[in-house]
């Protein structure tokens, strides 16, 4: 009885899985592409004048959600 139940469950699952349609989402993209995003970030970033005068360097890490 367990074997029959397992076979029926598996068959139902496989039939359902084969009728499902793949849904692809379009990944979000910055208007104008990667080059436009880099250009935008370069245009809005501000480096402190005091750091420029003292030749202080650092690293900026940007994350997007």
PDB file of N, CA and C in Angstrom:
ATOM      1  N   UNK A   1       0.825  -1.195   0.000  1.00  0.00           N
ATOM      2  CA  UNK A   1       0.000   0.000   0.000  1.00  0.00           C
ATOM      3  C   UNK A   1       0.875   1.267   0.000  1.00  0.00           C
ATOM      4  N   UNK A   2       1.970   1.219   0.788  1.00  0.00           N
ATOM      5  CA  UNK A   2       2.865   2.371   0.816  1.00  0.00           C
ATOM      6  C   UNK A   2       3.483   2.615  -0.554  1.00  0.00           C
ATOM      7  N   UNK A   3       3.827   1.547  -1.234  1.00  0.00           N
ATOM      8  CA  UNK A   3       4.447   1.657  -2.554  1.00  0.00           C
ATOM      9  C   UNK A   3       3.485   2.292  -3.551  1.00  0.00           C
ATOM     10  N   UNK A   4       2.241   1.865  -3.522  1.00  0.00           N
ATOM     11  CA  UNK A   4       1.235   2.416  -4.441  1.00  0.00           C
ATOM     12  C   UNK A   4       1.009   3.894  -4.141  1.00  0.00           C
ATOM     13  N   UNK A   5       0.919   4.238  -2.863  1.00  0.00           N
ATOM     14  CA  UNK A   5       0.725   5.641  -2.484  1.00  0.00           C
ATOM     15  C   UNK A   5       1.904   6.496  -2.949  1.00  0.00           C
ATOM     16  N   UNK A   6       3.097   5.974  -2.776  1.00  0.00           N
ATOM     17  CA  UNK A   6       4.289   6.704  -3.200  1.00  0.00           C
ATOM     18  C   UNK A   6       4.311   6.893  -4.707  1.00  0.00           C
ATOM     19  N   UNK A   7       3.969   5.855  -5.440  1.00  0.00           N
ATOM     20  CA  UNK A   7       3.944   5.937  -6.906  1.00  0.00           C
ATOM     21  C   UNK A   7       2.895   6.940  -7.366  1.00  0.00           C
ATOM     22  N   UNK A   8       1.710   6.908  -6.780  1.00  0.00           N
ATOM     23  CA  UNK A   8       0.650   7.855  -7.157  1.00  0.00           C
ATOM     24  C   UNK A   8       1.058   9.296  -6.840  1.00  0.00           C
ATOM     25  N   UNK A   9       1.633   9.488  -5.678  1.00  0.00           N
ATOM     26  CA  UNK A   9       2.074  10.832  -5.302  1.00  0.00           C
ATOM     27  C   UNK A   9       3.140  11.345  -6.268  1.00  0.00           C
ATOM     28  N   UNK A  10       4.099  10.493  -6.578  1.00  0.00           N
ATOM     29  CA  UNK A  10       5.168  10.874  -7.506  1.00  0.00           C
ATOM     30  C   UNK A  10       4.613  11.181  -8.886  1.00  0.00           C
ATOM     31  N   UNK A  11       3.679  10.362  -9.353  1.00  0.00           N
ATOM     32  CA  UNK A  11       3.080  10.581 -10.671  1.00  0.00           C
ATOM     33  C   UNK A  11       2.325  11.907 -10.706  1.00  0.00           C
ATOM     34  N   UNK A  12       1.552  12.177  -9.663  1.00  0.00           N
ATOM     35  CA  UNK A  12       0.807  13.444  -9.611  1.00  0.00           C
ATOM     36  C   UNK A  12       1.768  14.632  -9.584  1.00  0.00           C
ATOM     37  N   UNK A  13       2.825  14.507  -8.818  1.00  0.00           N
ATOM     38  CA  UNK A  13       3.807  15.581  -8.731  1.00  0.00           C
ATOM     39  C   UNK A  13       4.475  15.821 -10.075  1.00  0.00           C
ATOM     40  N   UNK A  14       4.866  14.755 -10.750  1.00  0.00           N
ATOM     41  CA  UNK A  14       5.532  14.896 -12.045  1.00  0.00           C
ATOM     42  C   UNK A  14       4.597  15.470 -13.098  1.00  0.00           C
ATOM     43  N   UNK A  15       3.336  15.057 -13.089  1.00  0.00           N
ATOM     44  CA  UNK A  15       2.371  15.610 -14.042  1.00  0.00           C
ATOM     45  C   UNK A  15       2.171  17.100 -13.800  1.00  0.00           C
ATOM     46  N   UNK A  16       2.075  17.470 -12.538  1.00  0.00           N
ATOM     47  CA  UNK A  16       1.886  18.883 -12.202  1.00  0.00           C
ATOM     48  C   UNK A  16       3.127  19.692 -12.586  1.00  0.00           C
ATOM     49  N   UNK A  17       4.292  19.147 -12.339  1.00  0.00           N
ATOM     50  CA  UNK A  17       5.539  19.852 -12.649  1.00  0.00           C
ATOM     51  C   UNK A  17       5.710  20.045 -14.148  1.00  0.00           C
ATOM     52  N   UNK A  18       5.252  19.090 -14.941  1.00  0.00           N
ATOM     53  CA  UNK A  18       5.427  19.211 -16.386  1.00  0.00           C
ATOM     54  C   UNK A  18       4.470  20.223 -16.998  1.00  0.00           C
ATOM     55  N   UNK A  19       3.350  20.521 -16.323  1.00  0.00           N
ATOM     56  CA  UNK A  19       2.396  21.486 -16.867  1.00  0.00           C
ATOM     57  C   UNK A  19       2.699  22.909 -16.415  1.00  0.00           C
ATOM     58  N   UNK A  20       3.597  23.055 -15.467  1.00  0.00           N
ATOM     59  CA  UNK A  20       3.938  24.397 -15.003  1.00  0.00           C
ATOM     60  C   UNK A  20       4.760  25.107 -16.070  1.00  0.00           C
ATOM     61  N   UNK A  21       4.488  26.383 -16.237  1.00  0.00           N
ATOM     62  CA  UNK A  21       5.229  27.163 -17.217  1.00  0.00           C
ATOM     63  C   UNK A  21       6.346  27.915 -16.509  1.00  0.00           C
ATOM     64  N   UNK A  22       7.460  28.001 -17.168  1.00  0.00           N
ATOM     65  CA  UNK A  22       8.583  28.754 -16.607  1.00  0.00           C
ATOM     66  C   UNK A  22       8.280  30.241 -16.729  1.00  0.00           C
ATOM     67  N   UNK A  23       8.466  30.947 -15.646  1.00  0.00           N
ATOM     68  CA  UNK A  23       8.251  32.386 -15.652  1.00  0.00           C
ATOM     69  C   UNK A  23       9.601  33.053 -15.418  1.00  0.00           C
ATOM     70  N   UNK A  24      10.078  33.778 -16.407  1.00  0.00           N
ATOM     71  CA  UNK A  24      11.359  34.452 -16.310  1.00  0.00           C
ATOM     72  C   UNK A  24      11.121  35.905 -15.969  1.00  0.00           C
ATOM     73  N   UNK A  25      11.806  36.361 -14.964  1.00  0.00           N
ATOM     74  CA  UNK A  25      11.714  37.766 -14.611  1.00  0.00           C
ATOM     75  C   UNK A  25      12.848  38.523 -15.290  1.00  0.00           C
ATOM     76  N   UNK A  26      12.545  39.720 -15.729  1.00  0.00           N
ATOM     77  CA  UNK A  26      13.579  40.570 -16.300  1.00  0.00           C
ATOM     78  C   UNK A  26      14.333  41.227 -15.155  1.00  0.00           C
ATOM     79  N   UNK A  27      15.627  41.085 -15.160  1.00  0.00           N
ATOM     80  CA  UNK A  27      16.444  41.676 -14.104  1.00  0.00           C
ATOM     81  C   UNK A  27      16.436  43.195 -14.246  1.00  0.00           C
ATOM     82  N   UNK A  28      16.362  43.905 -13.116  1.00  0.00           N
ATOM     83  CA  UNK A  28      16.390  45.365 -13.194  1.00  0.00           C
ATOM     84  C   UNK A  28      17.731  45.850 -13.729  1.00  0.00           C
ATOM     85  N   UNK A  29      17.680  46.936 -14.456  1.00  0.00           N
ATOM     86  CA  UNK A  29      18.897  47.489 -15.051  1.00  0.00           C
ATOM     87  C   UNK A  29      18.832  49.002 -14.977  1.00  0.00           C
ATOM     88  N   UNK A  30      19.956  49.620 -14.711  1.00  0.00           N
ATOM     89  CA  UNK A  30      20.031  51.075 -14.674  1.00  0.00           C
ATOM     90  C   UNK A  30      19.697  51.611 -16.061  1.00  0.00           C
ATOM     91  N   UNK A  31      18.872  52.672 -16.151  1.00  0.00           N
ATOM     92  CA  UNK A  31      18.552  53.231 -17.469  1.00  0.00           C
ATOM     93  C   UNK A  31      19.826  53.651 -18.201  1.00  0.00           C
ATOM     94  N   UNK A  32      20.057  53.079 -19.347  1.00  0.00           N
ATOM     95  CA  UNK A  32      21.257  53.381 -20.120  1.00  0.00           C
ATOM     96  C   UNK A  32      22.355  52.349 -19.945  1.00  0.00           C
ATOM     97  N   UNK A  33      22.155  51.398 -19.055  1.00  0.00           N
ATOM     98  CA  UNK A  33      23.123  50.315 -18.893  1.00  0.00           C
ATOM     99  C   UNK A  33      24.212  50.601 -17.872  1.00  0.00           C
ATOM    100  N   UNK A  34      25.198  49.720 -17.857  1.00  0.00           N
ATOM    101  CA  UNK A  34      26.284  49.784 -16.880  1.00  0.00           C
ATOM    102  C   UNK A  34      27.121  51.047 -17.034  1.00  0.00           C
ATOM    103  N   UNK A  35      27.413  51.437 -18.265  1.00  0.00           N
ATOM    104  CA  UNK A  35      28.225  52.631 -18.487  1.00  0.00           C
ATOM    105  C   UNK A  35      27.532  53.872 -17.939  1.00  0.00           C
ATOM    106  N   UNK A  36      26.215  53.960 -18.126  1.00  0.00           N
ATOM    107  CA  UNK A  36      25.457  55.101 -17.610  1.00  0.00           C
ATOM    108  C   UNK A  36      25.457  55.103 -16.085  1.00  0.00           C
ATOM    109  N   UNK A  37      25.395  53.927 -15.472  1.00  0.00           N
ATOM    110  CA  UNK A  37      25.419  53.851 -14.013  1.00  0.00           C
ATOM    111  C   UNK A  37      26.770  54.316 -13.470  1.00  0.00           C
ATOM    112  N   UNK A  38      27.847  53.871 -14.091  1.00  0.00           N
ATOM    113  CA  UNK A  38      29.180  54.289 -13.651  1.00  0.00           C
ATOM    114  C   UNK A  38      29.346  55.793 -13.822  1.00  0.00           C
ATOM    115  N   UNK A  39      28.870  56.321 -14.930  1.00  0.00           N
ATOM    116  CA  UNK A  39      28.939  57.758 -15.176  1.00  0.00           C
ATOM    117  C   UNK A  39      28.132  58.531 -14.135  1.00  0.00           C
ATOM    118  N   UNK A  40      26.956  58.030 -13.785  1.00  0.00           N
ATOM    119  CA  UNK A  40      26.113  58.682 -12.782  1.00  0.00           C
ATOM    120  C   UNK A  40      26.802  58.686 -11.421  1.00  0.00           C
ATOM    121  N   UNK A  41      27.344  57.542 -11.027  1.00  0.00           N
ATOM    122  CA  UNK A  41      28.023  57.466  -9.728  1.00  0.00           C
ATOM    123  C   UNK A  41      29.204  58.428  -9.691  1.00  0.00           C
ATOM    124  N   UNK A  42      29.965  58.491 -10.786  1.00  0.00           N
ATOM    125  CA  UNK A  42      31.093  59.431 -10.848  1.00  0.00           C
ATOM    126  C   UNK A  42      30.630  60.880 -10.741  1.00  0.00           C
ATOM    127  N   UNK A  43      29.461  61.189 -11.287  1.00  0.00           N
ATOM    128  CA  UNK A  43      28.990  62.574 -11.282  1.00  0.00           C
ATOM    129  C   UNK A  43      28.433  63.011  -9.930  1.00  0.00           C
ATOM    130  N   UNK A  44      27.984  62.080  -9.096  1.00  0.00           N
ATOM    131  CA  UNK A  44      27.366  62.466  -7.824  1.00  0.00           C
ATOM    132  C   UNK A  44      28.248  62.212  -6.608  1.00  0.00           C
ATOM    133  N   UNK A  45      29.355  61.546  -6.789  1.00  0.00           N
ATOM    134  CA  UNK A  45      30.213  61.296  -5.625  1.00  0.00           C
ATOM    135  C   UNK A  45      30.962  62.567  -5.256  1.00  0.00           C
ATOM    136  N   UNK A  46      31.195  62.709  -3.972  1.00  0.00           N
ATOM    137  CA  UNK A  46      31.890  63.895  -3.472  1.00  0.00           C
ATOM    138  C   UNK A  46      33.085  63.434  -2.646  1.00  0.00           C
ATOM    139  N   UNK A  47      34.239  63.983  -2.933  1.00  0.00           N
ATOM    140  CA  UNK A  47      35.443  63.665  -2.169  1.00  0.00           C
ATOM    141  C   UNK A  47      35.739  64.868  -1.289  1.00  0.00           C
ATOM    142  N   UNK A  48      35.875  64.686   0.004  1.00  0.00           N
ATOM    143  CA  UNK A  48      36.092  65.833   0.906  1.00  0.00           C
ATOM    144  C   UNK A  48      37.358  66.616   0.540  1.00  0.00           C
ATOM    145  N   UNK A  49      37.238  67.934   0.509  1.00  0.00           N
ATOM    146  CA  UNK A  49      38.368  68.789   0.131  1.00  0.00           C
ATOM    147  C   UNK A  49      39.547  68.598   1.080  1.00  0.00           C
ATOM    148  N   UNK A  50      39.258  68.414   2.361  1.00  0.00           N
ATOM    149  CA  UNK A  50      40.328  68.203   3.345  1.00  0.00           C
ATOM    150  C   UNK A  50      41.126  66.936   3.021  1.00  0.00           C
ATOM    151  N   UNK A  51      40.446  65.900   2.587  1.00  0.00           N
ATOM    152  CA  UNK A  51      41.127  64.654   2.220  1.00  0.00           C
ATOM    153  C   UNK A  51      41.990  64.859   0.979  1.00  0.00           C
ATOM    154  N   UNK A  52      41.522  65.678   0.046  1.00  0.00           N
ATOM    155  CA  UNK A  52      42.307  65.966  -1.159  1.00  0.00           C
ATOM    156  C   UNK A  52      43.580  66.715  -0.773  1.00  0.00           C
ATOM    157  N   UNK A  53      43.431  67.710   0.092  1.00  0.00           N
ATOM    158  CA  UNK A  53      44.581  68.517   0.500  1.00  0.00           C
ATOM    159  C   UNK A  53      45.611  67.692   1.271  1.00  0.00           C
ATOM    160  N   UNK A  54      45.142  66.763   2.100  1.00  0.00           N
ATOM    161  CA  UNK A  54      46.049  65.943   2.909  1.00  0.00           C
ATOM    162  C   UNK A  54      46.450  64.649   2.201  1.00  0.00           C
ATOM    163  N   UNK A  55      46.002  64.510   0.956  1.00  0.00           N
ATOM    164  CA  UNK A  55      46.302  63.324   0.144  1.00  0.00           C
ATOM    165  C   UNK A  55      45.903  62.017   0.842  1.00  0.00           C
ATOM    166  N   UNK A  56      44.728  62.055   1.435  1.00  0.00           N
ATOM    167  CA  UNK A  56      44.181  60.867   2.097  1.00  0.00           C
ATOM    168  C   UNK A  56      43.410  60.065   1.057  1.00  0.00           C
ATOM    169  N   UNK A  57      43.711  58.798   0.974  1.00  0.00           N
ATOM    170  CA  UNK A  57      43.029  57.924   0.023  1.00  0.00           C
ATOM    171  C   UNK A  57      42.210  56.885   0.774  1.00  0.00           C
ATOM    172  N   UNK A  58      41.266  56.305   0.082  1.00  0.00           N
ATOM    173  CA  UNK A  58      40.431  55.279   0.696  1.00  0.00           C
ATOM    174  C   UNK A  58      39.731  54.455  -0.360  1.00  0.00           C
ATOM    175  N   UNK A  59      38.821  53.642   0.085  1.00  0.00           N
ATOM    176  CA  UNK A  59      38.074  52.761  -0.811  1.00  0.00           C
ATOM    177  C   UNK A  59      36.583  52.963  -0.545  1.00  0.00           C
ATOM    178  N   UNK A  60      35.828  52.993  -1.601  1.00  0.00           N
ATOM    179  CA  UNK A  60      34.378  53.108  -1.499  1.00  0.00           C
ATOM    180  C   UNK A  60      33.776  51.806  -1.989  1.00  0.00           C
ATOM    181  N   UNK A  61      32.914  51.237  -1.172  1.00  0.00           N
ATOM    182  CA  UNK A  61      32.222  50.005  -1.549  1.00  0.00           C
ATOM    183  C   UNK A  61      30.744  50.335  -1.656  1.00  0.00           C
ATOM    184  N   UNK A  62      30.153  50.024  -2.794  1.00  0.00           N
ATOM    185  CA  UNK A  62      28.751  50.321  -3.044  1.00  0.00           C
ATOM    186  C   UNK A  62      27.986  49.020  -3.194  1.00  0.00           C
ATOM    187  N   UNK A  63      26.864  48.922  -2.488  1.00  0.00           N
ATOM    188  CA  UNK A  63      25.987  47.752  -2.597  1.00  0.00           C
ATOM    189  C   UNK A  63      24.616  48.201  -3.067  1.00  0.00           C
ATOM    190  N   UNK A  64      23.970  47.354  -3.827  1.00  0.00           N
ATOM    191  CA  UNK A  64      22.628  47.636  -4.307  1.00  0.00           C
ATOM    192  C   UNK A  64      21.717  46.497  -3.886  1.00  0.00           C
ATOM    193  N   UNK A  65      20.488  46.847  -3.642  1.00  0.00           N
ATOM    194  CA  UNK A  65      19.506  45.828  -3.266  1.00  0.00           C
ATOM    195  C   UNK A  65      18.486  45.713  -4.364  1.00  0.00           C
TER     196      UNK A  65
END
